[in-house]
Structures are given as structure tokens and as C-alpha cells.
Amino acid sequence: MTDRLSYEEKKELPDSVFGLPERREYPMPDAAHVRAAEAYFRYCPEELKPRLARAILDRAREYGVDVESPTVLSYAEK
């Protein structure tokens, strides 16, 4: 499994698996994508980072992924 979804695969995903559902960005349908969202976190618009950080942590717990990024962890507390 790759951390890349095709347009068709992404289109099929429910809003609930996206880190930013209103924008349908940062899809996290599995553990690999949770790690990818953590890796691409720095590209998220500043004002959306706290919400995305919390979404990453929620999905990480669901899939048993350890979030190691101090940046993600600090934004999740905001």
C-alpha cells in the first residue's frame, strides 16, 4: 500500500476520514495515511493546523500509530 490515493479512490472516501473534511484534504483511511498526514503536516495552512493535529492524533489512536512529531503534538494542545 502506498500513501498515494488515486483521484477515484479519494472520491470514494467518506468525509469522516479526512483530517480537514470540509476541504477533503489529508485523507487517513489507514495507518499508512496517518503517517503521511503527519509527514505533510507542515504544508497545512497555519490557521487549520490545530484542528488537523487533533484529527491526526484521533486517527492515530484508532490505528495504533505512534505520532512522534513534536510539531503535531504541540498544535494538538492549542
C-alpha atoms as a PDB file:
ATOM      1  CA  MET A   1       0.000   0.000   0.000  1.00  0.00           C
ATOM      2  CA  THR A   2       1.278   3.415  -0.883  1.00  0.00           C
ATOM      3  CA  ASP A   3       0.433   6.715   0.756  1.00  0.00           C
ATOM      4  CA  ARG A   4      -0.899   7.937  -2.589  1.00  0.00           C
ATOM      5  CA  LEU A   5      -4.582   7.600  -3.417  1.00  0.00           C
ATOM      6  CA  SER A   6      -5.881   7.896  -6.943  1.00  0.00           C
ATOM      7  CA  TYR A   7      -8.474  10.551  -7.652  1.00  0.00           C
ATOM      8  CA  GLU A   8     -11.131   7.827  -7.865  1.00  0.00           C
ATOM      9  CA  GLU A   9     -10.089   6.250  -4.555  1.00  0.00           C
ATOM     10  CA  LYS A  10     -10.088   9.636  -2.828  1.00  0.00           C
ATOM     11  CA  LYS A  11     -13.512  10.464  -4.276  1.00  0.00           C
ATOM     12  CA  GLU A  12     -14.955   7.280  -2.734  1.00  0.00           C
ATOM     13  CA  LEU A  13     -13.783   8.064   0.802  1.00  0.00           C
ATOM     14  CA  PRO A  14     -16.285   9.460   3.322  1.00  0.00           C
ATOM     15  CA  ASP A  15     -15.621  12.973   4.660  1.00  0.00           C
ATOM     16  CA  SER A  16     -15.057  11.470   8.111  1.00  0.00           C
ATOM     17  CA  VAL A  17     -11.642  10.012   7.169  1.00  0.00           C
ATOM     18  CA  PHE A  18     -10.164  13.362   6.155  1.00  0.00           C
ATOM     19  CA  GLY A  19      -8.089  15.461   8.525  1.00  0.00           C
ATOM     20  CA  LEU A  20      -9.798  18.532   7.061  1.00  0.00           C
ATOM     21  CA  PRO A  21     -13.177  17.158   5.936  1.00  0.00           C
ATOM     22  CA  GLU A  22     -14.565  20.462   4.632  1.00  0.00           C
ATOM     23  CA  ARG A  23     -11.612  20.661   2.235  1.00  0.00           C
ATOM     24  CA  ARG A  24     -11.318  16.871   1.742  1.00  0.00           C
ATOM     25  CA  GLU A  25      -7.596  17.121   2.457  1.00  0.00           C
ATOM     26  CA  TYR A  26      -5.283  14.835   4.443  1.00  0.00           C
ATOM     27  CA  PRO A  27      -7.128  11.530   3.919  1.00  0.00           C
ATOM     28  CA  MET A  28      -6.435   8.994   6.671  1.00  0.00           C
ATOM     29  CA  PRO A  29      -8.276   5.760   5.797  1.00  0.00           C
ATOM     30  CA  ASP A  30      -5.469   3.600   7.285  1.00  0.00           C
ATOM     31  CA  ALA A  31      -2.250   3.702   9.323  1.00  0.00           C
ATOM     32  CA  ALA A  32      -0.030   4.474   6.314  1.00  0.00           C
ATOM     33  CA  HIS A  33      -2.081   7.575   5.548  1.00  0.00           C
ATOM     34  CA  VAL A  34      -1.991   8.710   9.182  1.00  0.00           C
ATOM     35  CA  ARG A  35       1.809   8.652   8.913  1.00  0.00           C
ATOM     36  CA  ALA A  36       1.620  10.523   5.596  1.00  0.00           C
ATOM     37  CA  ALA A  37      -0.635  13.200   7.127  1.00  0.00           C
ATOM     38  CA  GLU A  38       1.917  13.604   9.922  1.00  0.00           C
ATOM     39  CA  ALA A  39       4.710  13.931   7.347  1.00  0.00           C
ATOM     40  CA  TYR A  40       2.805  16.512   5.265  1.00  0.00           C
ATOM     41  CA  PHE A  41       1.515  18.448   8.286  1.00  0.00           C
ATOM     42  CA  ARG A  42       3.891  21.359   7.619  1.00  0.00           C
ATOM     43  CA  TYR A  43       2.021  22.174   4.397  1.00  0.00           C
ATOM     44  CA  CYS A  44      -1.277  22.740   6.203  1.00  0.00           C
ATOM     45  CA  PRO A  45      -2.427  26.383   6.440  1.00  0.00           C
ATOM     46  CA  GLU A  46      -1.427  27.790   9.827  1.00  0.00           C
ATOM     47  CA  GLU A  47      -4.992  28.506  10.985  1.00  0.00           C
ATOM     48  CA  LEU A  48      -6.039  24.896  10.326  1.00  0.00           C
ATOM     49  CA  LYS A  49      -3.073  23.185  11.999  1.00  0.00           C
ATOM     50  CA  PRO A  50      -4.630  22.758  15.482  1.00  0.00           C
ATOM     51  CA  ARG A  51      -7.679  21.006  14.007  1.00  0.00           C
ATOM     52  CA  LEU A  52      -5.599  18.826  11.709  1.00  0.00           C
ATOM     53  CA  ALA A  53      -3.237  17.904  14.560  1.00  0.00           C
ATOM     54  CA  ARG A  54      -6.162  16.723  16.699  1.00  0.00           C
ATOM     55  CA  ALA A  55      -7.570  14.748  13.751  1.00  0.00           C
ATOM     56  CA  ILE A  56      -4.188  13.077  13.194  1.00  0.00           C
ATOM     57  CA  LEU A  57      -3.997  12.083  16.867  1.00  0.00           C
ATOM     58  CA  ASP A  58      -7.565  10.744  16.831  1.00  0.00           C
ATOM     59  CA  ARG A  59      -6.935   8.621  13.729  1.00  0.00           C
ATOM     60  CA  ALA A  60      -3.524   7.530  15.056  1.00  0.00           C
ATOM     61  CA  ARG A  61      -5.162   6.174  18.227  1.00  0.00           C
ATOM     62  CA  GLU A  62      -7.714   4.355  16.086  1.00  0.00           C
ATOM     63  CA  TYR A  63      -4.982   2.629  14.045  1.00  0.00           C
ATOM     64  CA  GLY A  64      -2.381   2.201  16.803  1.00  0.00           C
ATOM     65  CA  VAL A  65       0.074   4.648  15.240  1.00  0.00           C
ATOM     66  CA  ASP A  66       2.557   6.492  17.461  1.00  0.00           C
ATOM     67  CA  VAL A  67       2.668  10.172  16.486  1.00  0.00           C
ATOM     68  CA  GLU A  68       6.234  11.316  17.053  1.00  0.00           C
ATOM     69  CA  SER A  69       6.209  14.798  15.547  1.00  0.00           C
ATOM     70  CA  PRO A  70       6.662  17.383  18.326  1.00  0.00           C
ATOM     71  CA  THR A  71       5.064  19.930  15.984  1.00  0.00           C
ATOM     72  CA  VAL A  72       1.863  17.894  15.564  1.00  0.00           C
ATOM     73  CA  LEU A  73       1.744  17.177  19.289  1.00  0.00           C
ATOM     74  CA  SER A  74       2.176  20.841  20.234  1.00  0.00           C
ATOM     75  CA  TYR A  75      -0.517  22.019  17.789  1.00  0.00           C
ATOM     76  CA  ALA A  76      -2.925  19.395  19.126  1.00  0.00           C
ATOM     77  CA  GLU A  77      -2.764  21.116  22.520  1.00  0.00           C
ATOM     78  CA  LYS A  78      -3.825  24.512  21.122  1.00  0.00           C
END
